[in-house]
């Protein structure tokens, strides 16, 4: 079996989406969107607001690309186990983040 090559376009798009999402968070936290209503800032905000759905779509596509070979080769149980393991890992990390915010006092249950 040939080693899988990375799809550079997906990596670049994912990186841009992450940077745009982090920029959006920084601008919201600093209040920059509230105080600046120029056309450039409106377009920047529009672009950064698109990044989370793009990232989620890319995440789903990458899961398909990563796990399709297992399902195609008949290793359905192993593929499902890996997907459930990844889902549990993501959920546990999410709960840890929420718990940290609750304990810090900036987020209510």
C-alpha atoms as a PDB file:
ATOM      1  CA  UNK A   1       0.000   0.000   0.000  1.00  0.00           C
ATOM      2  CA  UNK A   2       1.294   3.442  -0.915  1.00  0.00           C
ATOM      3  CA  UNK A   3       1.746   5.938   1.901  1.00  0.00           C
ATOM      4  CA  UNK A   4      -0.964   8.581   1.930  1.00  0.00           C
ATOM      5  CA  UNK A   5       0.145  12.041   0.970  1.00  0.00           C
ATOM      6  CA  UNK A   6      -1.169  15.124   2.691  1.00  0.00           C
ATOM      7  CA  UNK A   7      -3.495  17.378   0.769  1.00  0.00           C
ATOM      8  CA  UNK A   8      -1.740  20.713   1.121  1.00  0.00           C
ATOM      9  CA  UNK A   9      -4.799  22.765   0.145  1.00  0.00           C
ATOM     10  CA  UNK A  10      -6.794  21.341   3.051  1.00  0.00           C
ATOM     11  CA  UNK A  11      -3.938  22.056   5.460  1.00  0.00           C
ATOM     12  CA  UNK A  12      -3.632  25.650   4.232  1.00  0.00           C
ATOM     13  CA  UNK A  13      -7.394  26.249   4.358  1.00  0.00           C
ATOM     14  CA  UNK A  14      -7.574  24.776   7.863  1.00  0.00           C
ATOM     15  CA  UNK A  15      -4.700  26.991   9.026  1.00  0.00           C
ATOM     16  CA  UNK A  16      -6.307  30.120   7.579  1.00  0.00           C
ATOM     17  CA  UNK A  17      -9.654  29.212   9.195  1.00  0.00           C
ATOM     18  CA  UNK A  18      -7.986  28.724  12.595  1.00  0.00           C
ATOM     19  CA  UNK A  19      -6.092  32.023  12.338  1.00  0.00           C
ATOM     20  CA  UNK A  20      -9.276  33.848  11.270  1.00  0.00           C
ATOM     21  CA  UNK A  21     -11.280  32.311  14.141  1.00  0.00           C
ATOM     22  CA  UNK A  22      -8.615  33.266  16.681  1.00  0.00           C
ATOM     23  CA  UNK A  23      -8.477  36.779  15.211  1.00  0.00           C
ATOM     24  CA  UNK A  24     -12.242  37.053  15.575  1.00  0.00           C
ATOM     25  CA  UNK A  25     -12.032  36.007  19.228  1.00  0.00           C
ATOM     26  CA  UNK A  26      -9.259  38.556  19.858  1.00  0.00           C
ATOM     27  CA  UNK A  27     -11.179  41.370  18.161  1.00  0.00           C
ATOM     28  CA  UNK A  28     -14.393  40.555  20.057  1.00  0.00           C
ATOM     29  CA  UNK A  29     -12.545  40.331  23.387  1.00  0.00           C
ATOM     30  CA  UNK A  30     -10.801  43.659  22.785  1.00  0.00           C
ATOM     31  CA  UNK A  31     -14.001  45.379  21.656  1.00  0.00           C
ATOM     32  CA  UNK A  32     -12.504  46.343  18.297  1.00  0.00           C
ATOM     33  CA  UNK A  33     -15.629  45.314  16.376  1.00  0.00           C
ATOM     34  CA  UNK A  34     -17.813  47.533  18.559  1.00  0.00           C
ATOM     35  CA  UNK A  35     -15.758  50.694  18.145  1.00  0.00           C
ATOM     36  CA  UNK A  36     -14.835  50.494  14.483  1.00  0.00           C
ATOM     37  CA  UNK A  37     -17.589  50.341  11.868  1.00  0.00           C
ATOM     38  CA  UNK A  38     -15.514  51.020   8.777  1.00  0.00           C
ATOM     39  CA  UNK A  39     -16.161  49.046   5.600  1.00  0.00           C
ATOM     40  CA  UNK A  40     -12.843  47.237   5.988  1.00  0.00           C
ATOM     41  CA  UNK A  41     -13.729  46.137   9.532  1.00  0.00           C
ATOM     42  CA  UNK A  42     -17.186  44.960   8.405  1.00  0.00           C
ATOM     43  CA  UNK A  43     -15.611  42.802   5.693  1.00  0.00           C
ATOM     44  CA  UNK A  44     -12.954  41.540   8.127  1.00  0.00           C
ATOM     45  CA  UNK A  45     -15.651  40.569  10.615  1.00  0.00           C
ATOM     46  CA  UNK A  46     -17.666  38.850   7.858  1.00  0.00           C
ATOM     47  CA  UNK A  47     -14.573  36.848   6.840  1.00  0.00           C
ATOM     48  CA  UNK A  48     -13.692  35.884  10.399  1.00  0.00           C
ATOM     49  CA  UNK A  49     -17.294  34.886  11.159  1.00  0.00           C
ATOM     50  CA  UNK A  50     -17.186  32.431   8.237  1.00  0.00           C
ATOM     51  CA  UNK A  51     -14.128  30.635   9.578  1.00  0.00           C
ATOM     52  CA  UNK A  52     -15.788  28.386  12.237  1.00  0.00           C
ATOM     53  CA  UNK A  53     -18.246  26.762   9.774  1.00  0.00           C
ATOM     54  CA  UNK A  54     -15.413  26.345   7.266  1.00  0.00           C
ATOM     55  CA  UNK A  55     -13.241  24.718   9.935  1.00  0.00           C
ATOM     56  CA  UNK A  56     -16.064  22.371  10.987  1.00  0.00           C
ATOM     57  CA  UNK A  57     -16.662  21.383   7.357  1.00  0.00           C
ATOM     58  CA  UNK A  58     -12.964  20.740   6.863  1.00  0.00           C
ATOM     59  CA  UNK A  59     -12.858  18.687  10.064  1.00  0.00           C
ATOM     60  CA  UNK A  60     -15.633  16.445   8.752  1.00  0.00           C
ATOM     61  CA  UNK A  61     -13.902  16.116   5.390  1.00  0.00           C
ATOM     62  CA  UNK A  62     -10.613  15.228   7.058  1.00  0.00           C
ATOM     63  CA  UNK A  63     -12.325  12.568   9.162  1.00  0.00           C
ATOM     64  CA  UNK A  64     -13.724  11.045   5.980  1.00  0.00           C
ATOM     65  CA  UNK A  65     -10.322  11.106   4.282  1.00  0.00           C
ATOM     66  CA  UNK A  66      -8.592   9.634   7.346  1.00  0.00           C
ATOM     67  CA  UNK A  67     -11.058   6.855   8.160  1.00  0.00           C
ATOM     68  CA  UNK A  68     -12.475   5.879   4.752  1.00  0.00           C
ATOM     69  CA  UNK A  69      -9.680   3.376   4.044  1.00  0.00           C
ATOM     70  CA  UNK A  70     -10.607   1.389   7.185  1.00  0.00           C
ATOM     71  CA  UNK A  71     -14.251   1.162   6.144  1.00  0.00           C
ATOM     72  CA  UNK A  72     -13.365   0.424   2.501  1.00  0.00           C
ATOM     73  CA  UNK A  73     -11.092  -2.458   3.519  1.00  0.00           C
ATOM     74  CA  UNK A  74     -13.817  -4.068   5.626  1.00  0.00           C
ATOM     75  CA  UNK A  75     -12.458  -2.997   9.027  1.00  0.00           C
ATOM     76  CA  UNK A  76     -15.734  -1.356   9.968  1.00  0.00           C
ATOM     77  CA  UNK A  77     -15.551  -2.196  13.673  1.00  0.00           C
ATOM     78  CA  UNK A  78     -12.021  -0.803  13.984  1.00  0.00           C
ATOM     79  CA  UNK A  79     -13.079   2.369  12.158  1.00  0.00           C
ATOM     80  CA  UNK A  80     -16.112   2.867  14.382  1.00  0.00           C
ATOM     81  CA  UNK A  81     -13.997   2.272  17.497  1.00  0.00           C
ATOM     82  CA  UNK A  82     -11.469   4.884  16.379  1.00  0.00           C
ATOM     83  CA  UNK A  83     -14.211   7.412  15.592  1.00  0.00           C
ATOM     84  CA  UNK A  84     -15.892   6.829  18.970  1.00  0.00           C
ATOM     85  CA  UNK A  85     -12.535   7.135  20.704  1.00  0.00           C
ATOM     86  CA  UNK A  86     -11.886  10.451  18.917  1.00  0.00           C
ATOM     87  CA  UNK A  87     -15.397  11.684  19.807  1.00  0.00           C
ATOM     88  CA  UNK A  88     -14.894  10.760  23.472  1.00  0.00           C
ATOM     89  CA  UNK A  89     -11.514  12.510  23.509  1.00  0.00           C
ATOM     90  CA  UNK A  90     -13.044  15.700  22.048  1.00  0.00           C
ATOM     91  CA  UNK A  91     -15.948  15.602  24.496  1.00  0.00           C
ATOM     92  CA  UNK A  92     -13.690  15.060  27.514  1.00  0.00           C
ATOM     93  CA  UNK A  93     -11.520  18.016  26.486  1.00  0.00           C
ATOM     94  CA  UNK A  94     -14.668  20.109  26.018  1.00  0.00           C
ATOM     95  CA  UNK A  95     -15.902  19.191  29.513  1.00  0.00           C
ATOM     96  CA  UNK A  96     -12.497  20.090  30.979  1.00  0.00           C
ATOM     97  CA  UNK A  97     -12.641  23.509  29.298  1.00  0.00           C
ATOM     98  CA  UNK A  98     -16.180  24.152  30.536  1.00  0.00           C
ATOM     99  CA  UNK A  99     -15.269  22.969  34.055  1.00  0.00           C
ATOM    100  CA  UNK A 100     -12.306  25.348  34.119  1.00  0.00           C
ATOM    101  CA  UNK A 101     -14.578  28.269  33.200  1.00  0.00           C
ATOM    102  CA  UNK A 102     -17.146  27.246  35.838  1.00  0.00           C
ATOM    103  CA  UNK A 103     -14.467  26.999  38.551  1.00  0.00           C
ATOM    104  CA  UNK A 104     -12.962  30.295  37.455  1.00  0.00           C
ATOM    105  CA  UNK A 105     -16.359  31.896  37.893  1.00  0.00           C
ATOM    106  CA  UNK A 106     -16.877  33.360  34.427  1.00  0.00           C
ATOM    107  CA  UNK A 107     -19.373  30.691  33.335  1.00  0.00           C
ATOM    108  CA  UNK A 108     -22.392  29.221  35.085  1.00  0.00           C
ATOM    109  CA  UNK A 109     -23.593  25.639  34.908  1.00  0.00           C
END
